[in-house]
Every structure is written in structure tokens, then in C-alpha cells.
């Protein structure tokens, strides 16, 4: 299988070399890696350039976007900038973050998962963060969810879900839509990826509000949003995040990310998951 990897990067000079080296050392090498330097003010571009001189499958391009770093649209716009530089002769398309260290068999294991199960539309491992002398599972991780930091899509699945949404919630709605179209989302607990910069530490304070807006755009409904926002707030240990999410849900009047039919499927899927955990 041919893997293409797009890595949006914003001021990642402290981490990007480790990410690229871990990908260059894979037992199964990708065909293409493109790093999108998204308006960085540090040495990110120069570091990636040095890797591109050493490895012919690594390239770098620049993207100029809003300097404010909010989850959602900024990173996906950079992702699409990278896609513009690539052809469409891939089997698996990956959107990876620039602050990860992958185990050397990561792509080999993903290839085996996709190859073994033709109904697998998305696959991924798990993010672990440094906790003193140990690497522990990142607390935002669910075993049935692939983190936005390390998404991998089968080409036909990616095309059927319409690519990635340029909005907060893109890394949830992609999996929900994949399941709507009959694809499986598969995680591999044995694949431990070191996440060098915990999720959200570089986001602006408006992340809770943006998350609430995303719930609305995914047609969650108010009660389901209450539950989802409460769960996230507990994990983040932030009451302000909870109220920010509710404010975002009630305040947004922008368009939806999914159709009514897709929204109905998403709500049923979420409620069924809640019932399974309760009963």
C-alpha cells in the first residue's frame, strides 16, 4: 500500500525532527511525506528542509494563515495546502501532527490492518504523554476513537466522507460519517505513539466555545451536548470549558457539517454508545 502523509506544522522546532526521524526509520516507508509550515516564526522550515535534502520522500511547503492557533479550521486548511502538492496515487492518506514519535513498525501495522480488513476505512494507534519517568495514555483518548493527531484514511473512505471539514470537530465527524457509510474505524492498542506536546496546550482559551459550536454543527442536540461537554470538561478539569461549550452550542447559527439524515445517524450512534456503557 502507498502511504501519503501530510503534516501541518506551526512553530514545531522543538519536535519536528523527532517526528520526521521516526517516520524515516519505519520498517514500511511512506511514498510521500509533505510538511506544511503554517506561518511558523521559528526554525521549523529550516529543520524540515534539512530532512528533505536527506530523504527524497520528504518535502516541505509554506502556508500563510491566521496567526491565532485555534483547533479546527487552521490545521485543516494547512492540511489541504499540503494535498495541493501531492498527486492522488495513494492508497492510504494520513494527517499526522508534528509533535509525535512513532514506533518503527507503525506504518507496517497500519498497512496490515487495512490489508486484512477491506471494510476498514480508518485506522490508528494511541497517543501517550510523558508523566515523569513513564509514558501514560493521554486522558482524552477513547479506545474507539482515533485522535486527530494521527489519522489514517483508506482512499475510498476519505473520498466518500467528503474529505476533512474545515471546522472544530473535524476529527470526530470524520469517524461518524465513515460509520454512516458503512466503514469500520479500527484502533490498535499495541501502537503507542509518543505525543510530545499534550493536546490543547497551545490552543486559545476559546476552545470550549468552539467545541460547543461543533456539537451544534454535528446535530448532537442539547441533551447529548450536555453529556459530551461535561465529559470533556471533566477530562480537562475545567468548569469554564463546560460553560464555554454550552455558550458555543446555544450561540452559533452557522451551517451544519452534516445532513439531517447523517445527523440522525450520529445521534443514534452516540446514544447507543451511552446505553452500552450504562447497561
C-alpha atoms as a PDB file:
ATOM      1  CA  UNK A   1       0.000   0.000   0.000  1.00  0.00           C
ATOM      2  CA  UNK A   2       1.190   3.520  -0.804  1.00  0.00           C
ATOM      3  CA  UNK A   3       1.037   5.863   2.190  1.00  0.00           C
ATOM      4  CA  UNK A   4       0.968   9.640   1.723  1.00  0.00           C
ATOM      5  CA  UNK A   5       1.444  11.699   4.886  1.00  0.00           C
ATOM      6  CA  UNK A   6       0.580  15.379   5.349  1.00  0.00           C
ATOM      7  CA  UNK A   7       1.950  17.105   8.469  1.00  0.00           C
ATOM      8  CA  UNK A   8       0.734  20.629   9.283  1.00  0.00           C
ATOM      9  CA  UNK A   9       3.346  22.372  11.434  1.00  0.00           C
ATOM     10  CA  UNK A  10       3.274  25.644  13.360  1.00  0.00           C
ATOM     11  CA  UNK A  11       6.347  26.569  15.417  1.00  0.00           C
ATOM     12  CA  UNK A  12       7.394  22.949  15.954  1.00  0.00           C
ATOM     13  CA  UNK A  13      11.193  23.374  16.004  1.00  0.00           C
ATOM     14  CA  UNK A  14      11.395  21.515  19.315  1.00  0.00           C
ATOM     15  CA  UNK A  15       9.639  18.394  17.996  1.00  0.00           C
ATOM     16  CA  UNK A  16       9.520  18.135  14.192  1.00  0.00           C
ATOM     17  CA  UNK A  17      12.945  16.483  13.804  1.00  0.00           C
ATOM     18  CA  UNK A  18      11.940  13.655  16.145  1.00  0.00           C
ATOM     19  CA  UNK A  19       8.684  13.164  14.258  1.00  0.00           C
ATOM     20  CA  UNK A  20      10.344  13.020  10.856  1.00  0.00           C
ATOM     21  CA  UNK A  21      13.151  10.769  12.037  1.00  0.00           C
ATOM     22  CA  UNK A  22      10.656   8.294  13.485  1.00  0.00           C
ATOM     23  CA  UNK A  23       8.864   8.206  10.124  1.00  0.00           C
ATOM     24  CA  UNK A  24      12.110   7.910   8.165  1.00  0.00           C
ATOM     25  CA  UNK A  25      13.050   4.916  10.350  1.00  0.00           C
ATOM     26  CA  UNK A  26       9.838   2.993   9.667  1.00  0.00           C
ATOM     27  CA  UNK A  27      10.048  -0.662   8.680  1.00  0.00           C
ATOM     28  CA  UNK A  28       7.485   0.199   5.994  1.00  0.00           C
ATOM     29  CA  UNK A  29       8.322   3.548   4.416  1.00  0.00           C
ATOM     30  CA  UNK A  30       5.729   6.006   3.123  1.00  0.00           C
ATOM     31  CA  UNK A  31       5.807   7.081  -0.507  1.00  0.00           C
ATOM     32  CA  UNK A  32       5.404  10.770   0.321  1.00  0.00           C
ATOM     33  CA  UNK A  33       5.651  12.992   3.367  1.00  0.00           C
ATOM     34  CA  UNK A  34       4.886  16.682   2.999  1.00  0.00           C
ATOM     35  CA  UNK A  35       5.248  19.099   5.889  1.00  0.00           C
ATOM     36  CA  UNK A  36       3.210  22.290   5.658  1.00  0.00           C
ATOM     37  CA  UNK A  37       4.964  25.097   7.514  1.00  0.00           C
ATOM     38  CA  UNK A  38       1.944  27.122   8.578  1.00  0.00           C
ATOM     39  CA  UNK A  39       3.283  30.620   9.182  1.00  0.00           C
ATOM     40  CA  UNK A  40       5.939  29.500  11.681  1.00  0.00           C
ATOM     41  CA  UNK A  41       8.188  32.132  13.231  1.00  0.00           C
ATOM     42  CA  UNK A  42      10.868  29.703  14.386  1.00  0.00           C
ATOM     43  CA  UNK A  43      13.226  27.254  12.629  1.00  0.00           C
ATOM     44  CA  UNK A  44      10.578  24.694  11.636  1.00  0.00           C
ATOM     45  CA  UNK A  45      11.028  25.258   7.894  1.00  0.00           C
ATOM     46  CA  UNK A  46      14.822  25.031   8.022  1.00  0.00           C
ATOM     47  CA  UNK A  47      14.720  21.797  10.027  1.00  0.00           C
ATOM     48  CA  UNK A  48      12.324  20.152   7.572  1.00  0.00           C
ATOM     49  CA  UNK A  49      14.437  21.354   4.662  1.00  0.00           C
ATOM     50  CA  UNK A  50      17.417  19.516   6.110  1.00  0.00           C
ATOM     51  CA  UNK A  51      15.358  16.310   6.167  1.00  0.00           C
ATOM     52  CA  UNK A  52      14.184  16.838   2.585  1.00  0.00           C
ATOM     53  CA  UNK A  53      17.816  17.030   1.490  1.00  0.00           C
ATOM     54  CA  UNK A  54      18.487  13.667   3.143  1.00  0.00           C
ATOM     55  CA  UNK A  55      15.273  11.789   2.250  1.00  0.00           C
ATOM     56  CA  UNK A  56      13.731  12.092  -1.210  1.00  0.00           C
ATOM     57  CA  UNK A  57      10.216  11.235   0.045  1.00  0.00           C
ATOM     58  CA  UNK A  58      10.112  14.237   2.413  1.00  0.00           C
ATOM     59  CA  UNK A  59       9.179  17.688   1.113  1.00  0.00           C
ATOM     60  CA  UNK A  60       8.138  20.976   2.677  1.00  0.00           C
ATOM     61  CA  UNK A  61       5.900  23.812   1.579  1.00  0.00           C
ATOM     62  CA  UNK A  62       4.753  27.066   3.167  1.00  0.00           C
ATOM     63  CA  UNK A  63       1.257  28.191   4.053  1.00  0.00           C
ATOM     64  CA  UNK A  64       0.234  31.616   5.350  1.00  0.00           C
ATOM     65  CA  UNK A  65      -2.770  31.646   7.652  1.00  0.00           C
ATOM     66  CA  UNK A  66      -4.146  33.413  10.700  1.00  0.00           C
ATOM     67  CA  UNK A  67      -1.536  33.548  13.451  1.00  0.00           C
ATOM     68  CA  UNK A  68      -4.165  32.699  16.106  1.00  0.00           C
ATOM     69  CA  UNK A  69      -3.911  28.969  16.811  1.00  0.00           C
ATOM     70  CA  UNK A  70      -7.420  27.564  17.280  1.00  0.00           C
ATOM     71  CA  UNK A  71      -8.342  23.907  16.860  1.00  0.00           C
ATOM     72  CA  UNK A  72     -10.155  23.104  13.646  1.00  0.00           C
ATOM     73  CA  UNK A  73     -10.017  25.231  10.551  1.00  0.00           C
ATOM     74  CA  UNK A  74      -6.382  26.404  10.773  1.00  0.00           C
ATOM     75  CA  UNK A  75      -4.836  22.954  10.810  1.00  0.00           C
ATOM     76  CA  UNK A  76      -7.175  21.546   8.155  1.00  0.00           C
ATOM     77  CA  UNK A  77      -6.558  24.461   5.823  1.00  0.00           C
ATOM     78  CA  UNK A  78      -2.847  23.723   6.162  1.00  0.00           C
ATOM     79  CA  UNK A  79      -3.572  20.043   5.507  1.00  0.00           C
ATOM     80  CA  UNK A  80      -5.340  20.916   2.256  1.00  0.00           C
ATOM     81  CA  UNK A  81      -2.418  23.131   1.286  1.00  0.00           C
ATOM     82  CA  UNK A  82      -0.231  20.065   1.526  1.00  0.00           C
ATOM     83  CA  UNK A  83      -2.642  17.986  -0.546  1.00  0.00           C
ATOM     84  CA  UNK A  84      -2.330  20.518  -3.354  1.00  0.00           C
ATOM     85  CA  UNK A  85       1.320  19.496  -3.701  1.00  0.00           C
ATOM     86  CA  UNK A  86       0.560  15.766  -3.987  1.00  0.00           C
ATOM     87  CA  UNK A  87      -0.962  13.562  -6.671  1.00  0.00           C
ATOM     88  CA  UNK A  88      -3.847  11.190  -5.926  1.00  0.00           C
ATOM     89  CA  UNK A  89      -1.986   7.907  -6.420  1.00  0.00           C
ATOM     90  CA  UNK A  90      -2.176   6.943  -2.760  1.00  0.00           C
ATOM     91  CA  UNK A  91      -3.896   4.029  -1.045  1.00  0.00           C
ATOM     92  CA  UNK A  92      -3.771   5.473   2.468  1.00  0.00           C
ATOM     93  CA  UNK A  93      -3.809   9.179   3.312  1.00  0.00           C
ATOM     94  CA  UNK A  94      -2.525  10.269   6.724  1.00  0.00           C
ATOM     95  CA  UNK A  95      -2.864  13.536   8.584  1.00  0.00           C
ATOM     96  CA  UNK A  96      -0.229  13.496  11.334  1.00  0.00           C
ATOM     97  CA  UNK A  97       0.801  16.118  13.865  1.00  0.00           C
ATOM     98  CA  UNK A  98       4.361  17.455  14.011  1.00  0.00           C
ATOM     99  CA  UNK A  99       4.998  16.534  17.659  1.00  0.00           C
ATOM    100  CA  UNK A 100       4.816  12.724  17.598  1.00  0.00           C
ATOM    101  CA  UNK A 101       7.309   9.888  17.834  1.00  0.00           C
ATOM    102  CA  UNK A 102       6.032   6.778  16.063  1.00  0.00           C
ATOM    103  CA  UNK A 103       7.148   3.226  16.870  1.00  0.00           C
ATOM    104  CA  UNK A 104       9.203   1.869  13.978  1.00  0.00           C
ATOM    105  CA  UNK A 105       6.502  -0.621  12.933  1.00  0.00           C
ATOM    106  CA  UNK A 106       3.648   1.906  12.968  1.00  0.00           C
ATOM    107  CA  UNK A 107       3.022   2.109   9.211  1.00  0.00           C
ATOM    108  CA  UNK A 108       3.667  -1.592   8.769  1.00  0.00           C
ATOM    109  CA  UNK A 109       0.957  -2.389  11.318  1.00  0.00           C
ATOM    110  CA  UNK A 110      -1.487   0.069   9.741  1.00  0.00           C
ATOM    111  CA  UNK A 111      -0.844  -1.454   6.330  1.00  0.00           C
ATOM    112  CA  UNK A 112      -1.605  -4.905   7.729  1.00  0.00           C
ATOM    113  CA  UNK A 113      -4.855  -3.679   9.306  1.00  0.00           C
ATOM    114  CA  UNK A 114      -6.082  -2.106   6.076  1.00  0.00           C
ATOM    115  CA  UNK A 115      -4.948  -5.091   4.033  1.00  0.00           C
ATOM    116  CA  UNK A 116      -6.613  -7.661   6.303  1.00  0.00           C
ATOM    117  CA  UNK A 117      -9.935  -5.819   6.506  1.00  0.00           C
ATOM    118  CA  UNK A 118     -11.157  -4.233   3.244  1.00  0.00           C
ATOM    119  CA  UNK A 119     -14.002  -2.629   5.210  1.00  0.00           C
ATOM    120  CA  UNK A 120     -11.571  -0.700   7.410  1.00  0.00           C
ATOM    121  CA  UNK A 121     -11.912   2.939   6.441  1.00  0.00           C
ATOM    122  CA  UNK A 122      -9.756   4.461   9.180  1.00  0.00           C
ATOM    123  CA  UNK A 123      -7.074   3.092  11.500  1.00  0.00           C
ATOM    124  CA  UNK A 124      -4.674   4.356  14.137  1.00  0.00           C
ATOM    125  CA  UNK A 125      -2.817   3.786  17.380  1.00  0.00           C
ATOM    126  CA  UNK A 126      -2.894   5.678  20.670  1.00  0.00           C
ATOM    127  CA  UNK A 127      -1.198   8.809  21.978  1.00  0.00           C
ATOM    128  CA  UNK A 128       0.924   8.581  25.119  1.00  0.00           C
ATOM    129  CA  UNK A 129       2.298  11.555  27.045  1.00  0.00           C
ATOM    130  CA  UNK A 130       5.306  11.911  29.332  1.00  0.00           C
ATOM    131  CA  UNK A 131       4.404  11.610  33.003  1.00  0.00           C
ATOM    132  CA  UNK A 132       7.664  11.926  34.869  1.00  0.00           C
ATOM    133  CA  UNK A 133       9.546   8.692  34.201  1.00  0.00           C
ATOM    134  CA  UNK A 134       6.689   6.970  32.418  1.00  0.00           C
ATOM    135  CA  UNK A 135       4.616   7.357  29.260  1.00  0.00           C
ATOM    136  CA  UNK A 136       0.885   7.190  30.019  1.00  0.00           C
ATOM    137  CA  UNK A 137      -2.204   7.105  27.823  1.00  0.00           C
ATOM    138  CA  UNK A 138      -3.383  10.638  27.061  1.00  0.00           C
ATOM    139  CA  UNK A 139      -6.559  11.271  29.021  1.00  0.00           C
ATOM    140  CA  UNK A 140      -8.596  12.468  26.020  1.00  0.00           C
ATOM    141  CA  UNK A 141      -8.223   9.056  24.382  1.00  0.00           C
ATOM    142  CA  UNK A 142     -11.142   6.669  23.864  1.00  0.00           C
ATOM    143  CA  UNK A 143     -10.448   3.154  22.650  1.00  0.00           C
ATOM    144  CA  UNK A 144     -12.951   3.515  19.812  1.00  0.00           C
ATOM    145  CA  UNK A 145     -11.596   6.870  18.620  1.00  0.00           C
ATOM    146  CA  UNK A 146      -8.524   7.819  16.577  1.00  0.00           C
ATOM    147  CA  UNK A 147      -7.010  11.050  17.782  1.00  0.00           C
ATOM    148  CA  UNK A 148      -6.807  13.926  15.337  1.00  0.00           C
ATOM    149  CA  UNK A 149      -3.029  13.831  15.774  1.00  0.00           C
ATOM    150  CA  UNK A 150      -2.656  10.553  13.852  1.00  0.00           C
ATOM    151  CA  UNK A 151      -5.453   9.983  11.358  1.00  0.00           C
ATOM    152  CA  UNK A 152      -5.081   7.441   8.538  1.00  0.00           C
ATOM    153  CA  UNK A 153      -7.784   7.022   5.869  1.00  0.00           C
ATOM    154  CA  UNK A 154      -8.346   4.491   3.137  1.00  0.00           C
ATOM    155  CA  UNK A 155      -8.632   6.483  -0.083  1.00  0.00           C
ATOM    156  CA  UNK A 156     -12.198   5.412  -0.921  1.00  0.00           C
ATOM    157  CA  UNK A 157     -13.369   6.173   2.634  1.00  0.00           C
ATOM    158  CA  UNK A 158     -11.724   9.589   2.612  1.00  0.00           C
ATOM    159  CA  UNK A 159     -13.433  10.405  -0.678  1.00  0.00           C
ATOM    160  CA  UNK A 160     -16.830   9.131   0.437  1.00  0.00           C
ATOM    161  CA  UNK A 161     -16.913  11.230   3.607  1.00  0.00           C
ATOM    162  CA  UNK A 162     -16.041  14.292   1.532  1.00  0.00           C
ATOM    163  CA  UNK A 163     -12.575  14.826   2.965  1.00  0.00           C
ATOM    164  CA  UNK A 164     -11.982  16.715   6.205  1.00  0.00           C
ATOM    165  CA  UNK A 165     -14.215  19.522   7.451  1.00  0.00           C
ATOM    166  CA  UNK A 166     -12.552  22.900   7.926  1.00  0.00           C
ATOM    167  CA  UNK A 167     -14.036  23.310  11.382  1.00  0.00           C
ATOM    168  CA  UNK A 168     -13.663  22.290  15.010  1.00  0.00           C
ATOM    169  CA  UNK A 169     -14.945  18.736  15.351  1.00  0.00           C
ATOM    170  CA  UNK A 170     -13.427  17.554  12.065  1.00  0.00           C
ATOM    171  CA  UNK A 171     -11.700  14.679  13.875  1.00  0.00           C
ATOM    172  CA  UNK A 172     -14.995  13.400  15.282  1.00  0.00           C
ATOM    173  CA  UNK A 173     -17.318  13.936  12.357  1.00  0.00           C
ATOM    174  CA  UNK A 174     -14.920  12.087  10.039  1.00  0.00           C
ATOM    175  CA  UNK A 175     -15.331   8.883  12.052  1.00  0.00           C
ATOM    176  CA  UNK A 176     -19.077   9.320  12.427  1.00  0.00           C
ATOM    177  CA  UNK A 177     -19.515   9.821   8.701  1.00  0.00           C
ATOM    178  CA  UNK A 178     -17.259   6.857   7.962  1.00  0.00           C
ATOM    179  CA  UNK A 179     -19.579   4.683  10.049  1.00  0.00           C
ATOM    180  CA  UNK A 180     -22.620   6.250   8.378  1.00  0.00           C
ATOM    181  CA  UNK A 181     -21.283   4.984   5.059  1.00  0.00           C
ATOM    182  CA  UNK A 182     -20.588   1.525   6.479  1.00  0.00           C
ATOM    183  CA  UNK A 183     -16.855   1.757   7.130  1.00  0.00           C
ATOM    184  CA  UNK A 184     -15.132   0.425  10.238  1.00  0.00           C
ATOM    185  CA  UNK A 185     -12.890   2.576  12.428  1.00  0.00           C
ATOM    186  CA  UNK A 186     -10.147   0.374  13.892  1.00  0.00           C
ATOM    187  CA  UNK A 187      -7.674   1.191  16.658  1.00  0.00           C
ATOM    188  CA  UNK A 188      -4.621  -0.852  17.628  1.00  0.00           C
ATOM    189  CA  UNK A 189      -3.848  -0.709  21.347  1.00  0.00           C
ATOM    190  CA  UNK A 190      -0.344  -2.094  20.760  1.00  0.00           C
ATOM    191  CA  UNK A 191       0.716   1.006  18.801  1.00  0.00           C
ATOM    192  CA  UNK A 192       1.964   3.508  21.373  1.00  0.00           C
ATOM    193  CA  UNK A 193       2.771   6.893  19.831  1.00  0.00           C
ATOM    194  CA  UNK A 194       4.635   9.399  21.993  1.00  0.00           C
ATOM    195  CA  UNK A 195       2.830  12.748  21.961  1.00  0.00           C
ATOM    196  CA  UNK A 196       5.443  15.315  22.891  1.00  0.00           C
ATOM    197  CA  UNK A 197       3.084  18.254  23.322  1.00  0.00           C
ATOM    198  CA  UNK A 198      -0.206  17.412  25.091  1.00  0.00           C
ATOM    199  CA  UNK A 199      -3.315  18.248  23.102  1.00  0.00           C
ATOM    200  CA  UNK A 200      -4.744  21.681  23.693  1.00  0.00           C
ATOM    201  CA  UNK A 201      -1.800  23.282  25.476  1.00  0.00           C
ATOM    202  CA  UNK A 202      -1.249  25.613  22.502  1.00  0.00           C
ATOM    203  CA  UNK A 203      -4.926  26.363  21.849  1.00  0.00           C
ATOM    204  CA  UNK A 204      -6.578  29.662  22.647  1.00  0.00           C
ATOM    205  CA  UNK A 205      -8.984  29.979  25.571  1.00  0.00           C
ATOM    206  CA  UNK A 206     -11.969  29.886  23.198  1.00  0.00           C
ATOM    207  CA  UNK A 207     -11.566  26.137  22.556  1.00  0.00           C
ATOM    208  CA  UNK A 208     -14.602  25.252  24.733  1.00  0.00           C
ATOM    209  CA  UNK A 209     -16.837  27.621  22.828  1.00  0.00           C
ATOM    210  CA  UNK A 210     -15.584  26.237  19.517  1.00  0.00           C
ATOM    211  CA  UNK A 211     -16.292  22.713  20.727  1.00  0.00           C
ATOM    212  CA  UNK A 212     -19.869  23.661  21.580  1.00  0.00           C
ATOM    213  CA  UNK A 213     -20.308  25.137  18.128  1.00  0.00           C
ATOM    214  CA  UNK A 214     -19.024  21.857  16.688  1.00  0.00           C
ATOM    215  CA  UNK A 215     -21.592  19.837  18.639  1.00  0.00           C
ATOM    216  CA  UNK A 216     -24.317  22.048  17.203  1.00  0.00           C
ATOM    217  CA  UNK A 217     -22.979  21.696  13.665  1.00  0.00           C
ATOM    218  CA  UNK A 218     -22.847  17.908  14.060  1.00  0.00           C
ATOM    219  CA  UNK A 219     -26.537  17.991  15.081  1.00  0.00           C
ATOM    220  CA  UNK A 220     -25.919  16.471  18.511  1.00  0.00           C
ATOM    221  CA  UNK A 221     -28.910  18.104  20.150  1.00  0.00           C
ATOM    222  CA  UNK A 222     -28.861  19.880  23.523  1.00  0.00           C
ATOM    223  CA  UNK A 223     -29.001  16.889  25.894  1.00  0.00           C
ATOM    224  CA  UNK A 224     -26.285  14.979  24.068  1.00  0.00           C
ATOM    225  CA  UNK A 225     -24.192  18.144  24.047  1.00  0.00           C
ATOM    226  CA  UNK A 226     -24.622  18.477  27.823  1.00  0.00           C
ATOM    227  CA  UNK A 227     -23.265  14.972  28.309  1.00  0.00           C
ATOM    228  CA  UNK A 228     -20.405  15.318  25.805  1.00  0.00           C
ATOM    229  CA  UNK A 229     -19.371  18.753  27.102  1.00  0.00           C
ATOM    230  CA  UNK A 230     -19.468  17.511  30.693  1.00  0.00           C
ATOM    231  CA  UNK A 231     -17.281  14.527  29.829  1.00  0.00           C
ATOM    232  CA  UNK A 232     -14.701  16.723  28.107  1.00  0.00           C
ATOM    233  CA  UNK A 233     -14.754  19.282  30.928  1.00  0.00           C
ATOM    234  CA  UNK A 234     -14.058  16.538  33.477  1.00  0.00           C
ATOM    235  CA  UNK A 235     -11.103  15.262  31.462  1.00  0.00           C
ATOM    236  CA  UNK A 236      -9.761  18.791  31.092  1.00  0.00           C
ATOM    237  CA  UNK A 237     -10.638  19.604  34.727  1.00  0.00           C
ATOM    238  CA  UNK A 238     -12.210  22.850  33.595  1.00  0.00           C
ATOM    239  CA  UNK A 239     -15.684  24.043  34.540  1.00  0.00           C
ATOM    240  CA  UNK A 240     -15.108  27.023  32.275  1.00  0.00           C
ATOM    241  CA  UNK A 241     -14.705  24.671  29.327  1.00  0.00           C
ATOM    242  CA  UNK A 242     -18.149  23.190  30.073  1.00  0.00           C
ATOM    243  CA  UNK A 243     -19.904  26.560  30.165  1.00  0.00           C
ATOM    244  CA  UNK A 244     -17.945  27.710  27.136  1.00  0.00           C
ATOM    245  CA  UNK A 245     -19.184  24.681  25.204  1.00  0.00           C
ATOM    246  CA  UNK A 246     -22.799  25.396  26.165  1.00  0.00           C
ATOM    247  CA  UNK A 247     -22.363  29.022  25.154  1.00  0.00           C
ATOM    248  CA  UNK A 248     -20.977  27.934  21.817  1.00  0.00           C
ATOM    249  CA  UNK A 249     -23.808  25.464  21.225  1.00  0.00           C
ATOM    250  CA  UNK A 250     -26.541  27.981  22.053  1.00  0.00           C
ATOM    251  CA  UNK A 251     -24.891  30.900  20.321  1.00  0.00           C
ATOM    252  CA  UNK A 252     -23.956  29.553  16.907  1.00  0.00           C
ATOM    253  CA  UNK A 253     -26.264  29.907  13.932  1.00  0.00           C
ATOM    254  CA  UNK A 254     -23.786  28.822  11.280  1.00  0.00           C
ATOM    255  CA  UNK A 255     -24.497  25.999   8.869  1.00  0.00           C
ATOM    256  CA  UNK A 256     -24.304  22.318   9.758  1.00  0.00           C
ATOM    257  CA  UNK A 257     -21.439  19.972   8.957  1.00  0.00           C
ATOM    258  CA  UNK A 258     -23.758  17.055   8.252  1.00  0.00           C
ATOM    259  CA  UNK A 259     -27.147  16.456   6.619  1.00  0.00           C
ATOM    260  CA  UNK A 260     -30.291  15.734   8.636  1.00  0.00           C
ATOM    261  CA  UNK A 261     -30.004  12.030   7.780  1.00  0.00           C
ATOM    262  CA  UNK A 262     -26.374  11.939   8.835  1.00  0.00           C
ATOM    263  CA  UNK A 263     -27.236  13.869  11.999  1.00  0.00           C
ATOM    264  CA  UNK A 264     -29.945  11.365  12.931  1.00  0.00           C
ATOM    265  CA  UNK A 265     -27.463   8.518  12.465  1.00  0.00           C
ATOM    266  CA  UNK A 266     -24.869  10.318  14.590  1.00  0.00           C
ATOM    267  CA  UNK A 267     -27.312  10.917  17.459  1.00  0.00           C
ATOM    268  CA  UNK A 268     -28.445   7.274  17.441  1.00  0.00           C
ATOM    269  CA  UNK A 269     -24.828   6.109  17.381  1.00  0.00           C
ATOM    270  CA  UNK A 270     -23.931   8.311  20.332  1.00  0.00           C
ATOM    271  CA  UNK A 271     -26.974   7.336  22.383  1.00  0.00           C
ATOM    272  CA  UNK A 272     -26.363   3.642  21.738  1.00  0.00           C
ATOM    273  CA  UNK A 273     -22.788   4.052  22.947  1.00  0.00           C
ATOM    274  CA  UNK A 274     -24.021   5.737  26.134  1.00  0.00           C
ATOM    275  CA  UNK A 275     -26.565   2.948  26.760  1.00  0.00           C
ATOM    276  CA  UNK A 276     -23.868   0.286  26.358  1.00  0.00           C
ATOM    277  CA  UNK A 277     -21.684   1.997  28.947  1.00  0.00           C
ATOM    278  CA  UNK A 278     -24.592   2.370  31.390  1.00  0.00           C
ATOM    279  CA  UNK A 279     -26.134  -1.059  30.984  1.00  0.00           C
END
